[in-house]
Amino acid sequence: MGTIAASELIINDRGAIYHVNCRPEEIANTIITVGDPDRVKEVSKHFDSIEFKNNHREFVTHTGYLGKKRISVTSTGIGPDNIDIVLNELDALVNIDFETRTIKEKLTSLNIIRVGTSGSLQQEIPVDSFVASTHGLGLDNLLNFYTHDSNEEEKQLLQAFDTHTQLHQGISSPYITGAGVSLLKEFVDGFHHGITVTCPGFYGPQGRVLRMGLTHPQLIDRLTSFSFGNHRVSNFEMETSAIYGMGKILGHHCLSLSAIVANRITKEFSKDGGAAVENLIVKTLENISASI
């Protein structure tokens, strides 16, 4: 591939990439992503020092140190469309030479860890507990715009899911990608493991009814009852599959961690979701500083 055109790789006057508004030296190789821009400071308040702060639209970034570990935390906003922006731009910051607009010969693999909230789809995964996603299963269609391959396990899982849910009929072409194994193995104690389904919306796509009827009113039951070997759907949210899918294509190590704030089976909602997220942030940073 030759020089990347100015219309494809947009760099502003200070040499920063367009949306996240960061320059290459302002981003660490270990990155925590959060959906809520206000959550960035809730992560970085635990850093020993902060060397860089920036915000542009919904994209807020802080980079600093926890001990000797350099970490960035950046907000993505909600949804797979925003993940498309953030994953492409984080990758560009480490793997594209902004001066020549060419892909570097030596590529860098980032550690990207999503810390967010989610709804449980299993009765025994209660509110205020934590889930580490073994797979991201997308109902959002984002990855279908990119050339991607699945391993044999992923193909079998997806075929079984399609047969069980029938969601591919008139809604989407689901896709599935596994977590970064090197990261997942560091988040075992204190975490439930399972498949996380990513939806392209919060209401109808997650089976909620307010004033509009649903084309798939049995969605929750079908997701909850799906199993393939030891795999089952543990929870759903709105970013994981896009992070896993794009991360795999680009050669990054990705993991999604969720604080469960709602249980859709028991109809419970956390009495203090903020405390649950804070506990997850602390545990995530402890694990990162100790082993990643």
C-alpha atoms as a PDB file:
ATOM      1  CA  MET A   1       0.000   0.000   0.000  1.00  0.00           C
ATOM      2  CA  GLY A   2       1.276   3.465  -0.923  1.00  0.00           C
ATOM      3  CA  THR A   3       0.742   6.866   0.611  1.00  0.00           C
ATOM      4  CA  ILE A   4      -2.543   7.234   2.495  1.00  0.00           C
ATOM      5  CA  ALA A   5      -4.533  10.204   1.214  1.00  0.00           C
ATOM      6  CA  ALA A   6      -5.387  13.213   3.383  1.00  0.00           C
ATOM      7  CA  SER A   7      -9.089  12.383   3.035  1.00  0.00           C
ATOM      8  CA  GLU A   8      -8.526   8.886   4.493  1.00  0.00           C
ATOM      9  CA  LEU A   9      -6.070   9.680   7.294  1.00  0.00           C
ATOM     10  CA  ILE A  10      -7.086  13.085   8.647  1.00  0.00           C
ATOM     11  CA  ILE A  11      -4.377  14.842  10.662  1.00  0.00           C
ATOM     12  CA  ASN A  12      -5.051  18.232  12.235  1.00  0.00           C
ATOM     13  CA  ASP A  13      -2.817  21.282  12.549  1.00  0.00           C
ATOM     14  CA  ARG A  14      -1.058  20.043  15.672  1.00  0.00           C
ATOM     15  CA  GLY A  15      -0.215  16.706  14.083  1.00  0.00           C
ATOM     16  CA  ALA A  16      -2.963  14.785  15.886  1.00  0.00           C
ATOM     17  CA  ILE A  17      -5.369  12.297  14.360  1.00  0.00           C
ATOM     18  CA  TYR A  18      -8.804  13.752  13.705  1.00  0.00           C
ATOM     19  CA  HIS A  19     -11.311  12.350  16.211  1.00  0.00           C
ATOM     20  CA  VAL A  20      -9.327  11.294  19.282  1.00  0.00           C
ATOM     21  CA  ASN A  21      -7.069  14.343  18.741  1.00  0.00           C
ATOM     22  CA  CYS A  22      -3.887  12.616  19.917  1.00  0.00           C
ATOM     23  CA  ARG A  23      -0.369  12.538  18.548  1.00  0.00           C
ATOM     24  CA  PRO A  24       1.558   9.245  18.493  1.00  0.00           C
ATOM     25  CA  GLU A  25       3.727  10.136  21.498  1.00  0.00           C
ATOM     26  CA  GLU A  26       0.640  10.893  23.602  1.00  0.00           C
ATOM     27  CA  ILE A  27      -0.650   7.294  23.634  1.00  0.00           C
ATOM     28  CA  ALA A  28       0.660   4.368  25.684  1.00  0.00           C
ATOM     29  CA  ASN A  29       0.810   0.788  24.427  1.00  0.00           C
ATOM     30  CA  THR A  30      -1.636  -0.307  27.152  1.00  0.00           C
ATOM     31  CA  ILE A  31      -4.985   1.406  26.679  1.00  0.00           C
ATOM     32  CA  ILE A  32      -8.165   1.249  28.730  1.00  0.00           C
ATOM     33  CA  THR A  33     -11.303   2.226  26.843  1.00  0.00           C
ATOM     34  CA  VAL A  34     -14.459   3.450  28.554  1.00  0.00           C
ATOM     35  CA  GLY A  35     -17.739   4.464  26.985  1.00  0.00           C
ATOM     36  CA  ASP A  36     -18.523   7.438  29.228  1.00  0.00           C
ATOM     37  CA  PRO A  37     -16.212  10.479  28.819  1.00  0.00           C
ATOM     38  CA  ASP A  38     -16.679  11.278  32.521  1.00  0.00           C
ATOM     39  CA  ARG A  39     -15.317   7.842  33.415  1.00  0.00           C
ATOM     40  CA  VAL A  40     -11.853   8.699  32.085  1.00  0.00           C
ATOM     41  CA  LYS A  41     -11.016  10.765  35.166  1.00  0.00           C
ATOM     42  CA  GLU A  42     -12.406   8.001  37.371  1.00  0.00           C
ATOM     43  CA  VAL A  43      -9.678   5.757  35.960  1.00  0.00           C
ATOM     44  CA  SER A  44      -6.841   8.273  35.799  1.00  0.00           C
ATOM     45  CA  LYS A  45      -7.399   9.445  39.395  1.00  0.00           C
ATOM     46  CA  HIS A  46      -5.694   6.192  40.371  1.00  0.00           C
ATOM     47  CA  PHE A  47      -2.567   6.973  38.312  1.00  0.00           C
ATOM     48  CA  ASP A  48       0.558   8.057  40.174  1.00  0.00           C
ATOM     49  CA  SER A  49       1.108  10.775  37.599  1.00  0.00           C
ATOM     50  CA  ILE A  50      -0.655  12.136  34.504  1.00  0.00           C
ATOM     51  CA  GLU A  51       1.437  13.492  31.635  1.00  0.00           C
ATOM     52  CA  PHE A  52      -1.251  14.243  29.052  1.00  0.00           C
ATOM     53  CA  LYS A  53      -4.928  15.208  29.014  1.00  0.00           C
ATOM     54  CA  ASN A  54      -7.061  15.939  26.002  1.00  0.00           C
ATOM     55  CA  ASN A  55     -10.680  16.013  24.915  1.00  0.00           C
ATOM     56  CA  HIS A  56     -12.448  16.355  21.583  1.00  0.00           C
ATOM     57  CA  ARG A  57     -16.172  15.680  21.231  1.00  0.00           C
ATOM     58  CA  GLU A  58     -16.893  12.473  23.184  1.00  0.00           C
ATOM     59  CA  PHE A  59     -13.261  11.372  22.980  1.00  0.00           C
ATOM     60  CA  VAL A  60     -11.369  12.150  26.201  1.00  0.00           C
ATOM     61  CA  THR A  61      -7.850  10.798  26.708  1.00  0.00           C
ATOM     62  CA  HIS A  62      -5.536  10.780  29.743  1.00  0.00           C
ATOM     63  CA  THR A  63      -2.074   9.193  29.653  1.00  0.00           C
ATOM     64  CA  GLY A  64       0.030   8.641  32.732  1.00  0.00           C
ATOM     65  CA  TYR A  65       1.831   6.195  34.960  1.00  0.00           C
ATOM     66  CA  LEU A  66       0.742   3.614  37.504  1.00  0.00           C
ATOM     67  CA  GLY A  67       4.059   2.769  39.111  1.00  0.00           C
ATOM     68  CA  LYS A  68       6.374   2.213  36.166  1.00  0.00           C
ATOM     69  CA  LYS A  69       3.505   1.177  33.876  1.00  0.00           C
ATOM     70  CA  ARG A  70       2.499   3.747  31.258  1.00  0.00           C
ATOM     71  CA  ILE A  71      -1.248   3.601  30.570  1.00  0.00           C
ATOM     72  CA  SER A  72      -3.707   5.578  28.495  1.00  0.00           C
ATOM     73  CA  VAL A  73      -7.432   5.726  29.132  1.00  0.00           C
ATOM     74  CA  THR A  74      -9.698   6.992  26.373  1.00  0.00           C
ATOM     75  CA  SER A  75     -13.446   7.309  26.057  1.00  0.00           C
ATOM     76  CA  THR A  76     -15.179   5.916  23.014  1.00  0.00           C
ATOM     77  CA  GLY A  77     -18.761   7.007  23.466  1.00  0.00           C
ATOM     78  CA  ILE A  78     -21.474   4.391  23.080  1.00  0.00           C
ATOM     79  CA  GLY A  79     -21.794   1.918  20.227  1.00  0.00           C
ATOM     80  CA  PRO A  80     -19.862  -0.014  17.588  1.00  0.00           C
ATOM     81  CA  ASP A  81     -19.794   2.959  15.193  1.00  0.00           C
ATOM     82  CA  ASN A  82     -17.661   4.858  17.703  1.00  0.00           C
ATOM     83  CA  ILE A  83     -15.446   1.803  18.183  1.00  0.00           C
ATOM     84  CA  ASP A  84     -14.796   1.858  14.438  1.00  0.00           C
ATOM     85  CA  ILE A  85     -13.372   5.364  14.860  1.00  0.00           C
ATOM     86  CA  VAL A  86     -11.371   4.728  18.015  1.00  0.00           C
ATOM     87  CA  LEU A  87      -9.812   1.374  17.041  1.00  0.00           C
ATOM     88  CA  ASN A  88      -8.773   2.659  13.616  1.00  0.00           C
ATOM     89  CA  GLU A  89      -7.272   5.813  15.094  1.00  0.00           C
ATOM     90  CA  LEU A  90      -5.469   4.109  17.982  1.00  0.00           C
ATOM     91  CA  ASP A  91      -3.939   1.698  15.490  1.00  0.00           C
ATOM     92  CA  ALA A  92      -2.946   4.529  13.179  1.00  0.00           C
ATOM     93  CA  LEU A  93      -1.181   6.293  16.040  1.00  0.00           C
ATOM     94  CA  VAL A  94       1.249   3.394  16.483  1.00  0.00           C
ATOM     95  CA  ASN A  95       1.372   1.773  13.048  1.00  0.00           C
ATOM     96  CA  ILE A  96       1.263   4.605  10.515  1.00  0.00           C
ATOM     97  CA  ASP A  97       4.052   7.150   9.989  1.00  0.00           C
ATOM     98  CA  PHE A  98       2.242  10.500  10.049  1.00  0.00           C
ATOM     99  CA  GLU A  99       5.078  12.255   8.213  1.00  0.00           C
ATOM    100  CA  THR A 100       5.126   9.939   5.191  1.00  0.00           C
ATOM    101  CA  ARG A 101       1.520   8.703   5.523  1.00  0.00           C
ATOM    102  CA  THR A 102       2.695   5.134   5.051  1.00  0.00           C
ATOM    103  CA  ILE A 103       2.289   1.974   7.119  1.00  0.00           C
ATOM    104  CA  LYS A 104       5.336   1.234   9.243  1.00  0.00           C
ATOM    105  CA  GLU A 105       7.439  -1.814   8.440  1.00  0.00           C
ATOM    106  CA  LYS A 106       7.512  -2.857  12.108  1.00  0.00           C
ATOM    107  CA  LEU A 107       4.016  -3.020  13.583  1.00  0.00           C
ATOM    108  CA  THR A 108       3.065  -2.523  17.226  1.00  0.00           C
ATOM    109  CA  SER A 109       0.500  -4.630  19.066  1.00  0.00           C
ATOM    110  CA  LEU A 110      -1.483  -2.697  21.661  1.00  0.00           C
ATOM    111  CA  ASN A 111      -3.129  -4.069  24.793  1.00  0.00           C
ATOM    112  CA  ILE A 112      -6.688  -2.696  24.686  1.00  0.00           C
ATOM    113  CA  ILE A 113      -8.958  -3.329  27.664  1.00  0.00           C
ATOM    114  CA  ARG A 114     -12.555  -2.152  27.719  1.00  0.00           C
ATOM    115  CA  VAL A 115     -13.940  -1.339  31.179  1.00  0.00           C
ATOM    116  CA  GLY A 116     -17.679  -0.812  31.050  1.00  0.00           C
ATOM    117  CA  THR A 117     -21.135  -1.774  32.194  1.00  0.00           C
ATOM    118  CA  SER A 118     -23.367  -4.543  30.937  1.00  0.00           C
ATOM    119  CA  GLY A 119     -26.547  -6.520  31.470  1.00  0.00           C
ATOM    120  CA  SER A 120     -26.414 -10.122  32.631  1.00  0.00           C
ATOM    121  CA  LEU A 121     -28.298 -12.787  30.685  1.00  0.00           C
ATOM    122  CA  GLN A 122     -27.856 -15.546  33.246  1.00  0.00           C
ATOM    123  CA  GLN A 123     -29.599 -15.719  36.605  1.00  0.00           C
ATOM    124  CA  GLU A 124     -26.438 -16.807  38.409  1.00  0.00           C
ATOM    125  CA  ILE A 125     -24.436 -13.775  37.197  1.00  0.00           C
ATOM    126  CA  PRO A 126     -25.789 -11.193  39.649  1.00  0.00           C
ATOM    127  CA  VAL A 127     -25.739  -7.417  39.621  1.00  0.00           C
ATOM    128  CA  ASP A 128     -22.466  -5.871  40.845  1.00  0.00           C
ATOM    129  CA  SER A 129     -20.450  -8.897  39.687  1.00  0.00           C
ATOM    130  CA  PHE A 130     -17.801  -8.825  36.922  1.00  0.00           C
ATOM    131  CA  VAL A 131     -17.619 -10.535  33.514  1.00  0.00           C
ATOM    132  CA  ALA A 132     -14.524 -11.058  31.379  1.00  0.00           C
ATOM    133  CA  SER A 133     -15.669 -11.757  27.824  1.00  0.00           C
ATOM    134  CA  THR A 134     -14.226 -14.900  26.253  1.00  0.00           C
ATOM    135  CA  HIS A 135     -15.785 -13.891  22.918  1.00  0.00           C
ATOM    136  CA  GLY A 136     -17.502 -10.895  21.397  1.00  0.00           C
ATOM    137  CA  LEU A 137     -20.504 -11.858  19.290  1.00  0.00           C
ATOM    138  CA  GLY A 138     -21.721  -9.012  17.120  1.00  0.00           C
ATOM    139  CA  LEU A 139     -25.286  -8.311  16.003  1.00  0.00           C
ATOM    140  CA  ASP A 140     -24.132  -4.894  14.814  1.00  0.00           C
ATOM    141  CA  ASN A 141     -22.768  -5.752  11.333  1.00  0.00           C
ATOM    142  CA  LEU A 142     -19.655  -3.540  11.714  1.00  0.00           C
ATOM    143  CA  LEU A 143     -17.079  -6.235  11.042  1.00  0.00           C
ATOM    144  CA  ASN A 144     -18.932  -7.287   7.888  1.00  0.00           C
ATOM    145  CA  PHE A 145     -17.553  -4.135   6.247  1.00  0.00           C
ATOM    146  CA  TYR A 146     -13.998  -5.465   6.708  1.00  0.00           C
ATOM    147  CA  THR A 147     -12.216  -8.517   5.350  1.00  0.00           C
ATOM    148  CA  HIS A 148     -11.888 -10.913   8.264  1.00  0.00           C
ATOM    149  CA  ASP A 149     -11.337 -14.586   8.991  1.00  0.00           C
ATOM    150  CA  SER A 150     -12.636 -16.825  11.761  1.00  0.00           C
ATOM    151  CA  ASN A 151     -10.926 -19.828  13.284  1.00  0.00           C
ATOM    152  CA  GLU A 152     -12.664 -23.198  13.357  1.00  0.00           C
ATOM    153  CA  GLU A 153     -14.062 -22.791  16.870  1.00  0.00           C
ATOM    154  CA  GLU A 154     -15.488 -19.372  15.999  1.00  0.00           C
ATOM    155  CA  LYS A 155     -17.097 -20.768  12.837  1.00  0.00           C
ATOM    156  CA  GLN A 156     -18.749 -23.596  14.764  1.00  0.00           C
ATOM    157  CA  LEU A 157     -19.957 -21.263  17.505  1.00  0.00           C
ATOM    158  CA  LEU A 158     -21.444 -18.880  14.976  1.00  0.00           C
ATOM    159  CA  GLN A 159     -23.183 -21.635  13.028  1.00  0.00           C
ATOM    160  CA  ALA A 160     -24.745 -22.973  16.226  1.00  0.00           C
ATOM    161  CA  PHE A 161     -25.788 -19.455  17.278  1.00  0.00           C
ATOM    162  CA  ASP A 162     -27.388 -18.732  13.893  1.00  0.00           C
ATOM    163  CA  THR A 163     -29.340 -21.980  14.026  1.00  0.00           C
ATOM    164  CA  HIS A 164     -30.486 -21.389  17.589  1.00  0.00           C
ATOM    165  CA  THR A 165     -31.511 -17.714  17.376  1.00  0.00           C
ATOM    166  CA  GLN A 166     -32.462 -17.274  13.687  1.00  0.00           C
ATOM    167  CA  LEU A 167     -31.372 -13.637  14.057  1.00  0.00           C
ATOM    168  CA  HIS A 168     -29.641 -13.722  10.675  1.00  0.00           C
ATOM    169  CA  GLN A 169     -33.060 -13.667   9.022  1.00  0.00           C
ATOM    170  CA  GLY A 170     -33.765 -10.039   8.186  1.00  0.00           C
ATOM    171  CA  ILE A 171     -31.695  -8.385  10.934  1.00  0.00           C
ATOM    172  CA  SER A 172     -27.967  -8.988  10.707  1.00  0.00           C
ATOM    173  CA  SER A 173     -25.153 -11.325   9.789  1.00  0.00           C
ATOM    174  CA  PRO A 174     -23.677 -12.101  13.210  1.00  0.00           C
ATOM    175  CA  TYR A 175     -19.928 -12.486  13.674  1.00  0.00           C
ATOM    176  CA  ILE A 176     -17.789 -13.704  16.569  1.00  0.00           C
ATOM    177  CA  THR A 177     -14.210 -13.160  17.715  1.00  0.00           C
ATOM    178  CA  GLY A 178     -12.304 -14.505  20.699  1.00  0.00           C
ATOM    179  CA  ALA A 179     -10.591 -12.400  23.364  1.00  0.00           C
ATOM    180  CA  GLY A 180      -6.863 -11.870  23.510  1.00  0.00           C
ATOM    181  CA  VAL A 181      -5.770 -14.984  25.400  1.00  0.00           C
ATOM    182  CA  SER A 182      -2.735 -13.282  26.935  1.00  0.00           C
ATOM    183  CA  LEU A 183      -5.055 -10.749  28.601  1.00  0.00           C
ATOM    184  CA  LEU A 184      -7.945 -13.064  29.439  1.00  0.00           C
ATOM    185  CA  LYS A 185      -5.739 -15.368  31.517  1.00  0.00           C
ATOM    186  CA  GLU A 186      -4.936 -12.458  33.848  1.00  0.00           C
ATOM    187  CA  PHE A 187      -8.627 -11.905  34.646  1.00  0.00           C
ATOM    188  CA  VAL A 188      -9.869 -15.182  36.104  1.00  0.00           C
ATOM    189  CA  ASP A 189     -10.224 -14.764  39.856  1.00  0.00           C
ATOM    190  CA  GLY A 190     -13.326 -12.743  40.665  1.00  0.00           C
ATOM    191  CA  PHE A 191     -14.673 -12.820  37.102  1.00  0.00           C
ATOM    192  CA  HIS A 192     -17.414 -14.762  35.376  1.00  0.00           C
ATOM    193  CA  HIS A 193     -16.452 -15.821  31.844  1.00  0.00           C
ATOM    194  CA  GLY A 194     -18.755 -16.088  28.849  1.00  0.00           C
ATOM    195  CA  ILE A 195     -19.749 -14.851  25.416  1.00  0.00           C
ATOM    196  CA  THR A 196     -20.701 -11.185  25.304  1.00  0.00           C
ATOM    197  CA  VAL A 197     -23.252 -10.217  22.662  1.00  0.00           C
ATOM    198  CA  THR A 198     -22.910  -6.726  21.209  1.00  0.00           C
ATOM    199  CA  CYS A 199     -26.109  -5.014  20.097  1.00  0.00           C
ATOM    200  CA  PRO A 200     -26.452  -1.945  17.818  1.00  0.00           C
ATOM    201  CA  GLY A 201     -28.822  -0.224  20.259  1.00  0.00           C
ATOM    202  CA  PHE A 202     -30.069  -0.164  23.839  1.00  0.00           C
ATOM    203  CA  TYR A 203     -33.817  -0.630  23.496  1.00  0.00           C
ATOM    204  CA  GLY A 204     -35.218  -2.837  20.709  1.00  0.00           C
ATOM    205  CA  PRO A 205     -31.869  -4.485  19.909  1.00  0.00           C
ATOM    206  CA  GLN A 206     -31.660  -5.536  23.560  1.00  0.00           C
ATOM    207  CA  GLY A 207     -35.282  -6.672  23.753  1.00  0.00           C
ATOM    208  CA  ARG A 208     -36.666  -3.644  25.606  1.00  0.00           C
ATOM    209  CA  VAL A 209     -40.203  -2.538  24.842  1.00  0.00           C
ATOM    210  CA  LEU A 210     -41.395   1.022  25.417  1.00  0.00           C
ATOM    211  CA  ARG A 211     -43.753   2.130  22.630  1.00  0.00           C
ATOM    212  CA  MET A 212     -42.510   0.144  19.625  1.00  0.00           C
ATOM    213  CA  GLY A 213     -43.127  -3.527  18.966  1.00  0.00           C
ATOM    214  CA  LEU A 214     -40.250  -5.944  18.397  1.00  0.00           C
ATOM    215  CA  THR A 215     -39.543  -8.181  15.426  1.00  0.00           C
ATOM    216  CA  HIS A 216     -37.787 -10.672  17.727  1.00  0.00           C
ATOM    217  CA  PRO A 217     -39.681 -10.619  21.055  1.00  0.00           C
ATOM    218  CA  GLN A 218     -38.003 -13.870  22.125  1.00  0.00           C
ATOM    219  CA  LEU A 219     -34.508 -12.383  21.839  1.00  0.00           C
ATOM    220  CA  ILE A 220     -33.644 -12.526  25.555  1.00  0.00           C
ATOM    221  CA  ASP A 221     -34.814 -16.120  25.927  1.00  0.00           C
ATOM    222  CA  ARG A 222     -32.891 -17.245  22.860  1.00  0.00           C
ATOM    223  CA  LEU A 223     -29.685 -15.579  23.972  1.00  0.00           C
ATOM    224  CA  THR A 224     -29.983 -16.911  27.507  1.00  0.00           C
ATOM    225  CA  SER A 225     -30.683 -20.481  26.385  1.00  0.00           C
ATOM    226  CA  PHE A 226     -27.866 -20.659  23.808  1.00  0.00           C
ATOM    227  CA  SER A 227     -24.971 -22.966  24.593  1.00  0.00           C
ATOM    228  CA  PHE A 228     -22.209 -24.615  22.614  1.00  0.00           C
ATOM    229  CA  GLY A 229     -20.032 -27.020  24.565  1.00  0.00           C
ATOM    230  CA  ASN A 230     -18.868 -25.038  27.587  1.00  0.00           C
ATOM    231  CA  HIS A 231     -19.749 -21.732  25.949  1.00  0.00           C
ATOM    232  CA  ARG A 232     -22.861 -19.700  26.712  1.00  0.00           C
ATOM    233  CA  VAL A 233     -23.959 -16.087  26.443  1.00  0.00           C
ATOM    234  CA  SER A 234     -23.210 -14.336  29.739  1.00  0.00           C
ATOM    235  CA  ASN A 235     -24.155 -10.728  29.012  1.00  0.00           C
ATOM    236  CA  PHE A 236     -24.750  -8.100  26.348  1.00  0.00           C
ATOM    237  CA  GLU A 237     -23.735  -4.512  25.716  1.00  0.00           C
ATOM    238  CA  MET A 238     -22.746  -2.272  22.769  1.00  0.00           C
ATOM    239  CA  GLU A 239     -18.970  -2.340  22.062  1.00  0.00           C
ATOM    240  CA  THR A 240     -17.221  -5.658  22.737  1.00  0.00           C
ATOM    241  CA  SER A 241     -17.597  -7.452  19.389  1.00  0.00           C
ATOM    242  CA  ALA A 242     -16.312  -4.415  17.488  1.00  0.00           C
ATOM    243  CA  ILE A 243     -13.256  -4.146  19.740  1.00  0.00           C
ATOM    244  CA  TYR A 244     -12.499  -7.863  19.474  1.00  0.00           C
ATOM    245  CA  GLY A 245     -13.114  -8.090  15.749  1.00  0.00           C
ATOM    246  CA  MET A 246     -11.147  -5.026  14.719  1.00  0.00           C
ATOM    247  CA  GLY A 247      -8.438  -5.745  17.268  1.00  0.00           C
ATOM    248  CA  LYS A 248      -7.881  -9.207  15.806  1.00  0.00           C
ATOM    249  CA  ILE A 249      -7.670  -7.884  12.248  1.00  0.00           C
ATOM    250  CA  LEU A 250      -5.192  -5.185  13.283  1.00  0.00           C
ATOM    251  CA  GLY A 251      -3.084  -7.495  15.448  1.00  0.00           C
ATOM    252  CA  HIS A 252      -3.891  -6.083  18.899  1.00  0.00           C
ATOM    253  CA  HIS A 253      -4.635  -7.908  22.159  1.00  0.00           C
ATOM    254  CA  CYS A 254      -8.141  -7.049  23.362  1.00  0.00           C
ATOM    255  CA  LEU A 255     -10.233  -7.796  26.405  1.00  0.00           C
ATOM    256  CA  SER A 256     -13.648  -6.576  27.541  1.00  0.00           C
ATOM    257  CA  LEU A 257     -14.455  -6.354  31.247  1.00  0.00           C
ATOM    258  CA  SER A 258     -17.954  -5.540  32.434  1.00  0.00           C
ATOM    259  CA  ALA A 259     -19.523  -4.550  35.715  1.00  0.00           C
ATOM    260  CA  ILE A 260     -22.996  -6.065  35.715  1.00  0.00           C
ATOM    261  CA  VAL A 261     -25.490  -3.308  36.527  1.00  0.00           C
ATOM    262  CA  ALA A 262     -28.647  -5.136  35.405  1.00  0.00           C
ATOM    263  CA  ASN A 263     -29.805  -8.732  35.406  1.00  0.00           C
ATOM    264  CA  ARG A 264     -32.335  -9.140  32.612  1.00  0.00           C
ATOM    265  CA  ILE A 265     -33.512 -12.511  33.904  1.00  0.00           C
ATOM    266  CA  THR A 266     -34.213 -11.543  37.525  1.00  0.00           C
ATOM    267  CA  LYS A 267     -35.207  -7.977  36.443  1.00  0.00           C
ATOM    268  CA  GLU A 268     -32.827  -6.461  39.003  1.00  0.00           C
ATOM    269  CA  PHE A 269     -30.816  -3.258  38.615  1.00  0.00           C
ATOM    270  CA  SER A 270     -27.784  -2.359  40.714  1.00  0.00           C
ATOM    271  CA  LYS A 271     -28.487  -0.088  43.668  1.00  0.00           C
ATOM    272  CA  ASP A 272     -25.071   1.532  43.184  1.00  0.00           C
ATOM    273  CA  GLY A 273     -23.720   1.031  39.684  1.00  0.00           C
ATOM    274  CA  GLY A 274     -21.075   3.677  40.260  1.00  0.00           C
ATOM    275  CA  ALA A 275     -19.570   1.667  43.097  1.00  0.00           C
ATOM    276  CA  ALA A 276     -19.572  -1.481  40.941  1.00  0.00           C
ATOM    277  CA  VAL A 277     -17.699   0.336  38.174  1.00  0.00           C
ATOM    278  CA  GLU A 278     -15.219   1.812  40.659  1.00  0.00           C
ATOM    279  CA  ASN A 279     -14.520  -1.662  42.045  1.00  0.00           C
ATOM    280  CA  LEU A 280     -13.941  -2.953  38.517  1.00  0.00           C
ATOM    281  CA  ILE A 281     -11.585  -0.072  37.713  1.00  0.00           C
ATOM    282  CA  VAL A 282      -9.507  -0.758  40.822  1.00  0.00           C
ATOM    283  CA  LYS A 283      -9.305  -4.481  40.122  1.00  0.00           C
ATOM    284  CA  THR A 284      -8.418  -3.881  36.466  1.00  0.00           C
ATOM    285  CA  LEU A 285      -5.596  -1.502  37.321  1.00  0.00           C
ATOM    286  CA  GLU A 286      -4.257  -3.900  39.952  1.00  0.00           C
ATOM    287  CA  ASN A 287      -4.118  -6.707  37.388  1.00  0.00           C
ATOM    288  CA  ILE A 288      -2.560  -4.492  34.724  1.00  0.00           C
ATOM    289  CA  SER A 289       0.178  -3.194  37.021  1.00  0.00           C
ATOM    290  CA  ALA A 290       0.934  -6.675  38.314  1.00  0.00           C
ATOM    291  CA  SER A 291       1.076  -8.706  35.136  1.00  0.00           C
ATOM    292  CA  ILE A 292       0.510  -6.917  31.817  1.00  0.00           C
END
